[in-house]
Amino acid sequence: MNEVERKINKSLHVSETVIIDMIANAALEVDGVAAIARRKKNPTRLLTNSKQVRAVKIELAGDVLAVTIGVILKDGAKAVTTAENVQDKVKSTVQNMLNLTVTKVNVNVVNVQTEA
C-alpha cells in the first residue's frame, strides 16, 4: 500500500491595523497607563488619508517584529516601572497571539494625565 501524503499550505494574514490595536490594548492593560498617545498631524498622513491616529509604530521583517509605542501615564505612576511593564506585556501578548518574535519594544512616555 502506498501512503498518500497530503500537504496543506496554511497561512494567516493579519493586517497592520489589527496588530497595532492588539499592541495598544495590551499596553492599556498595564497599571499606570492612562492612554495611548496620538500621532501628530503631518501633511503626508493627510494626503494618504491614513486613519491611524495612535502613536504605535511597527516594523515587521518576516516573523520578527519591532514596536515603538507612545503612552500617557496616570498621575503618580512610576515611569520606568510602567514602561518596563508595557514592554513585557506587549511582547508576551504579540508572541502568544501571533507567534511572532518581538525583538524590541520602545516605549515613549509622552505625557502624564493629571487629575482634573
PDB file of N, CA and C in Angstrom:
ATOM      1  N   MET A   1       0.826  -1.185   0.000  1.00  0.00           N
ATOM      2  CA  MET A   1       0.000   0.000   0.000  1.00  0.00           C
ATOM      3  C   MET A   1       0.872   1.251   0.000  1.00  0.00           C
ATOM      4  N   ASN A   2       0.462   2.177  -0.788  1.00  0.00           N
ATOM      5  CA  ASN A   2       1.180   3.448  -0.834  1.00  0.00           C
ATOM      6  C   ASN A   2       0.554   4.442   0.142  1.00  0.00           C
ATOM      7  N   GLU A   3       1.421   5.129   0.810  1.00  0.00           N
ATOM      8  CA  GLU A   3       0.929   6.173   1.705  1.00  0.00           C
ATOM      9  C   GLU A   3       0.821   7.460   0.920  1.00  0.00           C
ATOM     10  N   VAL A   4      -0.299   8.067   1.073  1.00  0.00           N
ATOM     11  CA  VAL A   4      -0.523   9.335   0.382  1.00  0.00           C
ATOM     12  C   VAL A   4      -0.349  10.450   1.396  1.00  0.00           C
ATOM     13  N   GLU A   5       0.576  11.312   1.084  1.00  0.00           N
ATOM     14  CA  GLU A   5       0.801  12.452   1.975  1.00  0.00           C
ATOM     15  C   GLU A   5       0.037  13.651   1.453  1.00  0.00           C
ATOM     16  N   ARG A   6      -0.645  14.250   2.337  1.00  0.00           N
ATOM     17  CA  ARG A   6      -1.362  15.466   1.988  1.00  0.00           C
ATOM     18  C   ARG A   6      -0.658  16.643   2.631  1.00  0.00           C
ATOM     19  N   LYS A   7      -0.296  17.535   1.812  1.00  0.00           N
ATOM     20  CA  LYS A   7       0.334  18.757   2.312  1.00  0.00           C
ATOM     21  C   LYS A   7      -0.663  19.886   2.142  1.00  0.00           C
ATOM     22  N   ILE A   8      -0.932  20.512   3.225  1.00  0.00           N
ATOM     23  CA  ILE A   8      -1.861  21.637   3.209  1.00  0.00           C
ATOM     24  C   ILE A   8      -1.072  22.888   3.538  1.00  0.00           C
ATOM     25  N   ASN A   9      -1.095  23.817   2.623  1.00  0.00           N
ATOM     26  CA  ASN A   9      -0.437  25.080   2.877  1.00  0.00           C
ATOM     27  C   ASN A   9      -1.369  25.958   3.696  1.00  0.00           C
ATOM     28  N   LYS A  10      -0.912  26.329   4.852  1.00  0.00           N
ATOM     29  CA  LYS A  10      -1.708  27.172   5.725  1.00  0.00           C
ATOM     30  C   LYS A  10      -1.025  28.529   5.832  1.00  0.00           C
ATOM     31  N   SER A  11      -1.832  29.534   5.816  1.00  0.00           N
ATOM     32  CA  SER A  11      -1.274  30.868   6.002  1.00  0.00           C
ATOM     33  C   SER A  11      -2.280  31.723   6.750  1.00  0.00           C
ATOM     34  N   LEU A  12      -1.756  32.661   7.457  1.00  0.00           N
ATOM     35  CA  LEU A  12      -2.576  33.592   8.224  1.00  0.00           C
ATOM     36  C   LEU A  12      -2.104  34.992   7.888  1.00  0.00           C
ATOM     37  N   HIS A  13      -3.021  35.818   7.477  1.00  0.00           N
ATOM     38  CA  HIS A  13      -2.701  37.199   7.160  1.00  0.00           C
ATOM     39  C   HIS A  13      -3.407  38.097   8.163  1.00  0.00           C
ATOM     40  N   VAL A  14      -2.617  38.884   8.884  1.00  0.00           N
ATOM     41  CA  VAL A  14      -3.157  39.807   9.875  1.00  0.00           C
ATOM     42  C   VAL A  14      -2.753  41.205   9.445  1.00  0.00           C
ATOM     43  N   SER A  15      -3.716  42.108   9.365  1.00  0.00           N
ATOM     44  CA  SER A  15      -3.399  43.460   8.922  1.00  0.00           C
ATOM     45  C   SER A  15      -2.606  44.201   9.991  1.00  0.00           C
ATOM     46  N   GLU A  16      -1.863  45.192   9.552  1.00  0.00           N
ATOM     47  CA  GLU A  16      -1.076  46.001  10.485  1.00  0.00           C
ATOM     48  C   GLU A  16      -1.970  46.710  11.488  1.00  0.00           C
ATOM     49  N   THR A  17      -3.154  47.100  11.064  1.00  0.00           N
ATOM     50  CA  THR A  17      -4.089  47.782  11.955  1.00  0.00           C
ATOM     51  C   THR A  17      -4.489  46.879  13.114  1.00  0.00           C
ATOM     52  N   VAL A  18      -4.703  45.614  12.833  1.00  0.00           N
ATOM     53  CA  VAL A  18      -5.061  44.661  13.882  1.00  0.00           C
ATOM     54  C   VAL A  18      -3.904  44.476  14.850  1.00  0.00           C
ATOM     55  N   ILE A  19      -2.697  44.378  14.338  1.00  0.00           N
ATOM     56  CA  ILE A  19      -1.517  44.230  15.196  1.00  0.00           C
ATOM     57  C   ILE A  19      -1.350  45.471  16.072  1.00  0.00           C
ATOM     58  N   ILE A  20      -1.529  46.646  15.488  1.00  0.00           N
ATOM     59  CA  ILE A  20      -1.405  47.893  16.242  1.00  0.00           C
ATOM     60  C   ILE A  20      -2.474  47.976  17.329  1.00  0.00           C
ATOM     61  N   ASP A  21      -3.700  47.603  17.004  1.00  0.00           N
ATOM     62  CA  ASP A  21      -4.767  47.601  18.009  1.00  0.00           C
ATOM     63  C   ASP A  21      -4.478  46.609  19.126  1.00  0.00           C
ATOM     64  N   MET A  22      -3.928  45.454  18.780  1.00  0.00           N
ATOM     65  CA  MET A  22      -3.573  44.452  19.770  1.00  0.00           C
ATOM     66  C   MET A  22      -2.500  44.983  20.722  1.00  0.00           C
ATOM     67  N   ILE A  23      -1.510  45.665  20.158  1.00  0.00           N
ATOM     68  CA  ILE A  23      -0.430  46.242  20.964  1.00  0.00           C
ATOM     69  C   ILE A  23      -0.982  47.334  21.875  1.00  0.00           C
ATOM     70  N   ALA A  24      -1.835  48.197  21.334  1.00  0.00           N
ATOM     71  CA  ALA A  24      -2.412  49.289  22.126  1.00  0.00           C
ATOM     72  C   ALA A  24      -3.267  48.740  23.261  1.00  0.00           C
ATOM     73  N   ASN A  25      -4.077  47.726  22.987  1.00  0.00           N
ATOM     74  CA  ASN A  25      -4.919  47.137  24.037  1.00  0.00           C
ATOM     75  C   ASN A  25      -4.082  46.475  25.125  1.00  0.00           C
ATOM     76  N   ALA A  26      -2.995  45.830  24.737  1.00  0.00           N
ATOM     77  CA  ALA A  26      -2.107  45.208  25.720  1.00  0.00           C
ATOM     78  C   ALA A  26      -1.476  46.270  26.610  1.00  0.00           C
ATOM     79  N   ALA A  27      -1.044  47.384  26.020  1.00  0.00           N
ATOM     80  CA  ALA A  27      -0.425  48.456  26.803  1.00  0.00           C
ATOM     81  C   ALA A  27      -1.429  49.092  27.756  1.00  0.00           C
ATOM     82  N   LEU A  28      -2.667  49.219  27.327  1.00  0.00           N
ATOM     83  CA  LEU A  28      -3.696  49.825  28.180  1.00  0.00           C
ATOM     84  C   LEU A  28      -4.034  48.961  29.390  1.00  0.00           C
ATOM     85  N   GLU A  29      -3.728  47.671  29.336  1.00  0.00           N
ATOM     86  CA  GLU A  29      -3.980  46.780  30.459  1.00  0.00           C
ATOM     87  C   GLU A  29      -2.962  46.957  31.580  1.00  0.00           C
ATOM     88  N   VAL A  30      -1.863  47.632  31.300  1.00  0.00           N
ATOM     89  CA  VAL A  30      -0.802  47.821  32.286  1.00  0.00           C
ATOM     90  C   VAL A  30      -1.212  48.905  33.280  1.00  0.00           C
ATOM     91  N   ASP A  31      -1.036  48.611  34.547  1.00  0.00           N
ATOM     92  CA  ASP A  31      -1.347  49.575  35.600  1.00  0.00           C
ATOM     93  C   ASP A  31      -0.416  50.780  35.476  1.00  0.00           C
ATOM     94  N   GLY A  32      -0.978  51.952  35.447  1.00  0.00           N
ATOM     95  CA  GLY A  32      -0.186  53.175  35.322  1.00  0.00           C
ATOM     96  C   GLY A  32      -0.303  53.828  33.955  1.00  0.00           C
ATOM     97  N   VAL A  33      -0.837  53.107  32.979  1.00  0.00           N
ATOM     98  CA  VAL A  33      -1.025  53.671  31.639  1.00  0.00           C
ATOM     99  C   VAL A  33      -2.441  54.235  31.546  1.00  0.00           C
ATOM    100  N   ALA A  34      -2.528  55.537  31.270  1.00  0.00           N
ATOM    101  CA  ALA A  34      -3.835  56.192  31.150  1.00  0.00           C
ATOM    102  C   ALA A  34      -4.380  56.088  29.740  1.00  0.00           C
ATOM    103  N   ALA A  35      -3.496  56.235  28.751  1.00  0.00           N
ATOM    104  CA  ALA A  35      -3.940  56.226  27.355  1.00  0.00           C
ATOM    105  C   ALA A  35      -2.744  55.997  26.447  1.00  0.00           C
ATOM    106  N   ILE A  36      -3.060  55.714  25.185  1.00  0.00           N
ATOM    107  CA  ILE A  36      -2.043  55.633  24.149  1.00  0.00           C
ATOM    108  C   ILE A  36      -1.978  57.006  23.499  1.00  0.00           C
ATOM    109  N   ALA A  37      -0.774  57.496  23.307  1.00  0.00           N
ATOM    110  CA  ALA A  37      -0.596  58.826  22.714  1.00  0.00           C
ATOM    111  C   ALA A  37      -1.112  58.846  21.287  1.00  0.00           C
ATOM    112  N   ARG A  38      -1.502  60.009  20.846  1.00  0.00           N
ATOM    113  CA  ARG A  38      -1.962  60.189  19.467  1.00  0.00           C
ATOM    114  C   ARG A  38      -0.805  60.704  18.629  1.00  0.00           C
ATOM    115  N   ARG A  39      -0.800  60.315  17.369  1.00  0.00           N
ATOM    116  CA  ARG A  39       0.223  60.798  16.445  1.00  0.00           C
ATOM    117  C   ARG A  39       0.000  62.266  16.150  1.00  0.00           C
ATOM    118  N   LYS A  40       1.091  62.950  15.901  1.00  0.00           N
ATOM    119  CA  LYS A  40       0.988  64.341  15.473  1.00  0.00           C
ATOM    120  C   LYS A  40       0.501  64.382  14.038  1.00  0.00           C
ATOM    121  N   LYS A  41      -0.238  65.401  13.709  1.00  0.00           N
ATOM    122  CA  LYS A  41      -0.726  65.553  12.341  1.00  0.00           C
ATOM    123  C   LYS A  41       0.434  65.979  11.449  1.00  0.00           C
ATOM    124  N   ASN A  42       0.499  65.365  10.288  1.00  0.00           N
ATOM    125  CA  ASN A  42       1.509  65.772   9.323  1.00  0.00           C
ATOM    126  C   ASN A  42       0.894  65.723   7.926  1.00  0.00           C
ATOM    127  N   PRO A  43       1.449  66.483   7.000  1.00  0.00           N
ATOM    128  CA  PRO A  43       0.870  66.554   5.655  1.00  0.00           C
ATOM    129  C   PRO A  43       0.821  65.218   4.917  1.00  0.00           C
ATOM    130  N   THR A  44       1.819  64.368   5.129  1.00  0.00           N
ATOM    131  CA  THR A  44       1.847  63.083   4.435  1.00  0.00           C
ATOM    132  C   THR A  44       0.647  62.240   4.819  1.00  0.00           C
ATOM    133  N   ARG A  45       0.347  62.191   6.118  1.00  0.00           N
ATOM    134  CA  ARG A  45      -0.773  61.393   6.574  1.00  0.00           C
ATOM    135  C   ARG A  45      -2.098  61.965   6.085  1.00  0.00           C
ATOM    136  N   LEU A  46      -2.181  63.291   5.968  1.00  0.00           N
ATOM    137  CA  LEU A  46      -3.399  63.911   5.464  1.00  0.00           C
ATOM    138  C   LEU A  46      -3.610  63.578   3.988  1.00  0.00           C
ATOM    139  N   LEU A  47      -2.511  63.546   3.222  1.00  0.00           N
ATOM    140  CA  LEU A  47      -2.620  63.240   1.799  1.00  0.00           C
ATOM    141  C   LEU A  47      -2.968  61.777   1.538  1.00  0.00           C
ATOM    142  N   THR A  48      -2.433  60.881   2.368  1.00  0.00           N
ATOM    143  CA  THR A  48      -2.697  59.463   2.169  1.00  0.00           C
ATOM    144  C   THR A  48      -3.993  59.013   2.830  1.00  0.00           C
ATOM    145  N   ASN A  49      -4.635  59.934   3.530  1.00  0.00           N
ATOM    146  CA  ASN A  49      -5.907  59.666   4.200  1.00  0.00           C
ATOM    147  C   ASN A  49      -5.773  58.534   5.219  1.00  0.00           C
ATOM    148  N   SER A  50      -4.656  58.511   5.926  1.00  0.00           N
ATOM    149  CA  SER A  50      -4.419  57.488   6.936  1.00  0.00           C
ATOM    150  C   SER A  50      -5.305  57.739   8.141  1.00  0.00           C
ATOM    151  N   LYS A  51      -5.958  56.686   8.598  1.00  0.00           N
ATOM    152  CA  LYS A  51      -6.831  56.804   9.754  1.00  0.00           C
ATOM    153  C   LYS A  51      -6.120  56.375  11.033  1.00  0.00           C
ATOM    154  N   GLN A  52      -4.863  55.978  10.917  1.00  0.00           N
ATOM    155  CA  GLN A  52      -4.096  55.558  12.081  1.00  0.00           C
ATOM    156  C   GLN A  52      -3.760  56.778  12.931  1.00  0.00           C
ATOM    157  N   VAL A  53      -4.339  56.867  14.122  1.00  0.00           N
ATOM    158  CA  VAL A  53      -4.128  58.031  14.965  1.00  0.00           C
ATOM    159  C   VAL A  53      -3.309  57.708  16.205  1.00  0.00           C
ATOM    160  N   ARG A  54      -3.139  56.440  16.517  1.00  0.00           N
ATOM    161  CA  ARG A  54      -2.371  56.076  17.702  1.00  0.00           C
ATOM    162  C   ARG A  54      -0.880  56.145  17.403  1.00  0.00           C
ATOM    163  N   ALA A  55      -0.120  56.495  18.425  1.00  0.00           N
ATOM    164  CA  ALA A  55       1.333  56.597  18.283  1.00  0.00           C
ATOM    165  C   ALA A  55       1.963  55.217  18.502  1.00  0.00           C
ATOM    166  N   VAL A  56       1.624  54.303  17.623  1.00  0.00           N
ATOM    167  CA  VAL A  56       2.189  52.957  17.645  1.00  0.00           C
ATOM    168  C   VAL A  56       2.785  52.702  16.276  1.00  0.00           C
ATOM    169  N   LYS A  57       4.061  52.343  16.262  1.00  0.00           N
ATOM    170  CA  LYS A  57       4.736  52.061  15.005  1.00  0.00           C
ATOM    171  C   LYS A  57       5.288  50.644  15.083  1.00  0.00           C
ATOM    172  N   ILE A  58       5.068  49.892  14.010  1.00  0.00           N
ATOM    173  CA  ILE A  58       5.612  48.538  13.968  1.00  0.00           C
ATOM    174  C   ILE A  58       6.488  48.380  12.735  1.00  0.00           C
ATOM    175  N   GLU A  59       7.523  47.577  12.888  1.00  0.00           N
ATOM    176  CA  GLU A  59       8.398  47.220  11.777  1.00  0.00           C
ATOM    177  C   GLU A  59       8.448  45.702  11.739  1.00  0.00           C
ATOM    178  N   LEU A  60       7.894  45.135  10.680  1.00  0.00           N
ATOM    179  CA  LEU A  60       7.801  43.688  10.553  1.00  0.00           C
ATOM    180  C   LEU A  60       8.717  43.212   9.430  1.00  0.00           C
ATOM    181  N   ALA A  61       9.643  42.338   9.783  1.00  0.00           N
ATOM    182  CA  ALA A  61      10.546  41.737   8.800  1.00  0.00           C
ATOM    183  C   ALA A  61      10.440  40.223   8.958  1.00  0.00           C
ATOM    184  N   GLY A  62       9.710  39.596   8.037  1.00  0.00           N
ATOM    185  CA  GLY A  62       9.464  38.160   8.161  1.00  0.00           C
ATOM    186  C   GLY A  62       8.549  37.899   9.337  1.00  0.00           C
ATOM    187  N   ASP A  63       9.034  37.128  10.307  1.00  0.00           N
ATOM    188  CA  ASP A  63       8.247  36.894  11.515  1.00  0.00           C
ATOM    189  C   ASP A  63       8.902  37.544  12.734  1.00  0.00           C
ATOM    190  N   VAL A  64       9.649  38.625  12.490  1.00  0.00           N
ATOM    191  CA  VAL A  64      10.308  39.383  13.559  1.00  0.00           C
ATOM    192  C   VAL A  64       9.710  40.781  13.595  1.00  0.00           C
ATOM    193  N   LEU A  65       9.306  41.212  14.786  1.00  0.00           N
ATOM    194  CA  LEU A  65       8.591  42.468  14.950  1.00  0.00           C
ATOM    195  C   LEU A  65       9.326  43.392  15.910  1.00  0.00           C
ATOM    196  N   ALA A  66       9.409  44.671  15.538  1.00  0.00           N
ATOM    197  CA  ALA A  66       9.921  45.710  16.422  1.00  0.00           C
ATOM    198  C   ALA A  66       8.795  46.723  16.616  1.00  0.00           C
ATOM    199  N   VAL A  67       8.601  47.166  17.858  1.00  0.00           N
ATOM    200  CA  VAL A  67       7.476  48.025  18.202  1.00  0.00           C
ATOM    201  C   VAL A  67       7.973  49.295  18.864  1.00  0.00           C
ATOM    202  N   THR A  68       7.351  50.424  18.489  1.00  0.00           N
ATOM    203  CA  THR A  68       7.548  51.688  19.198  1.00  0.00           C
ATOM    204  C   THR A  68       6.166  52.203  19.561  1.00  0.00           C
ATOM    205  N   ILE A  69       5.966  52.529  20.835  1.00  0.00           N
ATOM    206  CA  ILE A  69       4.652  52.960  21.309  1.00  0.00           C
ATOM    207  C   ILE A  69       4.795  54.168  22.221  1.00  0.00           C
ATOM    208  N   GLY A  70       3.903  55.123  22.047  1.00  0.00           N
ATOM    209  CA  GLY A  70       3.855  56.297  22.910  1.00  0.00           C
ATOM    210  C   GLY A  70       2.716  56.154  23.897  1.00  0.00           C
ATOM    211  N   VAL A  71       2.995  56.373  25.179  1.00  0.00           N
ATOM    212  CA  VAL A  71       1.968  56.214  26.208  1.00  0.00           C
ATOM    213  C   VAL A  71       1.825  57.488  27.037  1.00  0.00           C
ATOM    214  N   ILE A  72       0.651  57.641  27.593  1.00  0.00           N
ATOM    215  CA  ILE A  72       0.368  58.710  28.548  1.00  0.00           C
ATOM    216  C   ILE A  72       0.167  58.029  29.894  1.00  0.00           C
ATOM    217  N   LEU A  73       0.939  58.449  30.887  1.00  0.00           N
ATOM    218  CA  LEU A  73       0.895  57.813  32.202  1.00  0.00           C
ATOM    219  C   LEU A  73      -0.167  58.445  33.088  1.00  0.00           C
ATOM    220  N   LYS A  74      -0.633  57.669  34.047  1.00  0.00           N
ATOM    221  CA  LYS A  74      -1.515  58.201  35.080  1.00  0.00           C
ATOM    222  C   LYS A  74      -0.672  58.987  36.066  1.00  0.00           C
ATOM    223  N   ASP A  75      -1.288  59.955  36.696  1.00  0.00           N
ATOM    224  CA  ASP A  75      -0.595  60.772  37.688  1.00  0.00           C
ATOM    225  C   ASP A  75      -0.112  59.882  38.833  1.00  0.00           C
ATOM    226  N   GLY A  76       1.152  59.981  39.174  1.00  0.00           N
ATOM    227  CA  GLY A  76       1.721  59.206  40.265  1.00  0.00           C
ATOM    228  C   GLY A  76       2.350  57.890  39.842  1.00  0.00           C
ATOM    229  N   ALA A  77       2.188  57.496  38.590  1.00  0.00           N
ATOM    230  CA  ALA A  77       2.784  56.245  38.112  1.00  0.00           C
ATOM    231  C   ALA A  77       4.285  56.428  37.925  1.00  0.00           C
ATOM    232  N   LYS A  78       5.035  55.411  38.246  1.00  0.00           N
ATOM    233  CA  LYS A  78       6.481  55.457  38.060  1.00  0.00           C
ATOM    234  C   LYS A  78       6.788  55.151  36.603  1.00  0.00           C
ATOM    235  N   ALA A  79       7.472  56.059  35.945  1.00  0.00           N
ATOM    236  CA  ALA A  79       7.697  55.961  34.503  1.00  0.00           C
ATOM    237  C   ALA A  79       8.508  54.729  34.115  1.00  0.00           C
ATOM    238  N   VAL A  80       9.603  54.485  34.806  1.00  0.00           N
ATOM    239  CA  VAL A  80      10.481  53.369  34.432  1.00  0.00           C
ATOM    240  C   VAL A  80       9.784  52.034  34.652  1.00  0.00           C
ATOM    241  N   THR A  81       9.159  51.868  35.794  1.00  0.00           N
ATOM    242  CA  THR A  81       8.463  50.619  36.103  1.00  0.00           C
ATOM    243  C   THR A  81       7.313  50.378  35.130  1.00  0.00           C
ATOM    244  N   THR A  82       6.536  51.426  34.860  1.00  0.00           N
ATOM    245  CA  THR A  82       5.407  51.297  33.950  1.00  0.00           C
ATOM    246  C   THR A  82       5.886  50.971  32.539  1.00  0.00           C
ATOM    247  N   ALA A  83       6.940  51.626  32.078  1.00  0.00           N
ATOM    248  CA  ALA A  83       7.471  51.364  30.736  1.00  0.00           C
ATOM    249  C   ALA A  83       7.972  49.923  30.620  1.00  0.00           C
ATOM    250  N   GLU A  84       8.645  49.420  31.639  1.00  0.00           N
ATOM    251  CA  GLU A  84       9.115  48.036  31.627  1.00  0.00           C
ATOM    252  C   GLU A  84       7.937  47.062  31.593  1.00  0.00           C
ATOM    253  N   ASN A  85       6.875  47.376  32.344  1.00  0.00           N
ATOM    254  CA  ASN A  85       5.688  46.525  32.343  1.00  0.00           C
ATOM    255  C   ASN A  85       4.990  46.541  30.981  1.00  0.00           C
ATOM    256  N   VAL A  86       4.982  47.702  30.324  1.00  0.00           N
ATOM    257  CA  VAL A  86       4.413  47.797  28.980  1.00  0.00           C
ATOM    258  C   VAL A  86       5.231  46.940  28.017  1.00  0.00           C
ATOM    259  N   GLN A  87       6.548  47.010  28.115  1.00  0.00           N
ATOM    260  CA  GLN A  87       7.404  46.198  27.255  1.00  0.00           C
ATOM    261  C   GLN A  87       7.103  44.713  27.426  1.00  0.00           C
ATOM    262  N   ASP A  88       7.030  44.270  28.664  1.00  0.00           N
ATOM    263  CA  ASP A  88       6.773  42.850  28.934  1.00  0.00           C
ATOM    264  C   ASP A  88       5.394  42.423  28.438  1.00  0.00           C
ATOM    265  N   LYS A  89       4.383  43.251  28.694  1.00  0.00           N
ATOM    266  CA  LYS A  89       3.008  42.913  28.315  1.00  0.00           C
ATOM    267  C   LYS A  89       2.847  42.860  26.797  1.00  0.00           C
ATOM    268  N   VAL A  90       3.391  43.859  26.104  1.00  0.00           N
ATOM    269  CA  VAL A  90       3.285  43.887  24.638  1.00  0.00           C
ATOM    270  C   VAL A  90       4.014  42.696  24.036  1.00  0.00           C
ATOM    271  N   LYS A  91       5.210  42.428  24.509  1.00  0.00           N
ATOM    272  CA  LYS A  91       5.996  41.318  23.971  1.00  0.00           C
ATOM    273  C   LYS A  91       5.283  39.984  24.177  1.00  0.00           C
ATOM    274  N   SER A  92       4.798  39.730  25.381  1.00  0.00           N
ATOM    275  CA  SER A  92       4.144  38.451  25.644  1.00  0.00           C
ATOM    276  C   SER A  92       2.832  38.324  24.877  1.00  0.00           C
ATOM    277  N   THR A  93       2.073  39.411  24.756  1.00  0.00           N
ATOM    278  CA  THR A  93       0.802  39.362  24.034  1.00  0.00           C
ATOM    279  C   THR A  93       1.016  39.030  22.563  1.00  0.00           C
ATOM    280  N   VAL A  94       1.942  39.735  21.930  1.00  0.00           N
ATOM    281  CA  VAL A  94       2.189  39.511  20.498  1.00  0.00           C
ATOM    282  C   VAL A  94       2.740  38.115  20.254  1.00  0.00           C
ATOM    283  N   GLN A  95       3.670  37.688  21.090  1.00  0.00           N
ATOM    284  CA  GLN A  95       4.258  36.368  20.893  1.00  0.00           C
ATOM    285  C   GLN A  95       3.242  35.257  21.122  1.00  0.00           C
ATOM    286  N   ASN A  96       2.362  35.417  22.106  1.00  0.00           N
ATOM    287  CA  ASN A  96       1.365  34.384  22.384  1.00  0.00           C
ATOM    288  C   ASN A  96       0.257  34.350  21.340  1.00  0.00           C
ATOM    289  N   MET A  97      -0.205  35.513  20.888  1.00  0.00           N
ATOM    290  CA  MET A  97      -1.343  35.557  19.983  1.00  0.00           C
ATOM    291  C   MET A  97      -0.970  35.351  18.522  1.00  0.00           C
ATOM    292  N   LEU A  98       0.199  35.843  18.109  1.00  0.00           N
ATOM    293  CA  LEU A  98       0.564  35.798  16.699  1.00  0.00           C
ATOM    294  C   LEU A  98       1.783  34.930  16.410  1.00  0.00           C
ATOM    295  N   ASN A  99       2.441  34.434  17.439  1.00  0.00           N
ATOM    296  CA  ASN A  99       3.627  33.613  17.278  1.00  0.00           C
ATOM    297  C   ASN A  99       4.715  34.339  16.486  1.00  0.00           C
ATOM    298  N   LEU A 100       4.820  35.651  16.714  1.00  0.00           N
ATOM    299  CA  LEU A 100       5.882  36.457  16.117  1.00  0.00           C
ATOM    300  C   LEU A 100       6.956  36.701  17.164  1.00  0.00           C
ATOM    301  N   THR A 101       8.196  36.772  16.730  1.00  0.00           N
ATOM    302  CA  THR A 101       9.283  37.101  17.634  1.00  0.00           C
ATOM    303  C   THR A 101       9.366  38.614  17.745  1.00  0.00           C
ATOM    304  N   VAL A 102       9.312  39.120  18.970  1.00  0.00           N
ATOM    305  CA  VAL A 102       9.413  40.560  19.211  1.00  0.00           C
ATOM    306  C   VAL A 102      10.833  40.853  19.651  1.00  0.00           C
ATOM    307  N   THR A 103      11.560  41.615  18.814  1.00  0.00           N
ATOM    308  CA  THR A 103      12.959  41.902  19.122  1.00  0.00           C
ATOM    309  C   THR A 103      13.105  43.058  20.102  1.00  0.00           C
ATOM    310  N   LYS A 104      12.236  44.062  19.960  1.00  0.00           N
ATOM    311  CA  LYS A 104      12.318  45.192  20.894  1.00  0.00           C
ATOM    312  C   LYS A 104      10.975  45.895  20.970  1.00  0.00           C
ATOM    313  N   VAL A 105      10.748  46.498  22.130  1.00  0.00           N
ATOM    314  CA  VAL A 105       9.568  47.323  22.350  1.00  0.00           C
ATOM    315  C   VAL A 105      10.066  48.636  22.949  1.00  0.00           C
ATOM    316  N   ASN A 106      10.038  49.686  22.141  1.00  0.00           N
ATOM    317  CA  ASN A 106      10.433  51.010  22.611  1.00  0.00           C
ATOM    318  C   ASN A 106       9.202  51.717  23.154  1.00  0.00           C
ATOM    319  N   VAL A 107       9.291  52.211  24.380  1.00  0.00           N
ATOM    320  CA  VAL A 107       8.176  52.913  24.999  1.00  0.00           C
ATOM    321  C   VAL A 107       8.568  54.367  25.195  1.00  0.00           C
ATOM    322  N   ASN A 108       7.780  55.262  24.599  1.00  0.00           N
ATOM    323  CA  ASN A 108       7.985  56.696  24.776  1.00  0.00           C
ATOM    324  C   ASN A 108       6.906  57.239  25.696  1.00  0.00           C
ATOM    325  N   VAL A 109       7.320  57.796  26.830  1.00  0.00           N
ATOM    326  CA  VAL A 109       6.368  58.432  27.732  1.00  0.00           C
ATOM    327  C   VAL A 109       6.171  59.844  27.209  1.00  0.00           C
ATOM    328  N   VAL A 110       4.974  60.108  26.704  1.00  0.00           N
ATOM    329  CA  VAL A 110       4.685  61.358  26.017  1.00  0.00           C
ATOM    330  C   VAL A 110       4.122  62.408  26.960  1.00  0.00           C
ATOM    331  N   ASN A 111       3.328  61.963  27.938  1.00  0.00           N
ATOM    332  CA  ASN A 111       2.662  62.905  28.813  1.00  0.00           C
ATOM    333  C   ASN A 111       2.230  62.186  30.083  1.00  0.00           C
ATOM    334  N   VAL A 112       1.794  62.996  31.063  1.00  0.00           N
ATOM    335  CA  VAL A 112       1.231  62.468  32.297  1.00  0.00           C
ATOM    336  C   VAL A 112      -0.149  63.076  32.455  1.00  0.00           C
ATOM    337  N   GLN A 113      -1.137  62.214  32.657  1.00  0.00           N
ATOM    338  CA  GLN A 113      -2.506  62.687  32.822  1.00  0.00           C
ATOM    339  C   GLN A 113      -2.695  63.117  34.283  1.00  0.00           C
ATOM    340  N   THR A 114      -3.072  64.352  34.470  1.00  0.00           N
ATOM    341  CA  THR A 114      -3.278  64.867  35.811  1.00  0.00           C
ATOM    342  C   THR A 114      -4.755  64.840  36.158  1.00  0.00           C
ATOM    343  N   GLU A 115      -5.037  64.768  37.431  1.00  0.00           N
ATOM    344  CA  GLU A 115      -6.418  64.761  37.884  1.00  0.00           C
ATOM    345  C   GLU A 115      -7.027  66.128  37.652  1.00  0.00           C
ATOM    346  N   ALA A 116      -8.232  66.157  37.105  1.00  0.00           N
ATOM    347  CA  ALA A 116      -8.896  67.445  36.834  1.00  0.00           C
ATOM    348  C   ALA A 116      -9.716  67.890  38.004  1.00  0.00           C
TER     349      ALA A 116
END
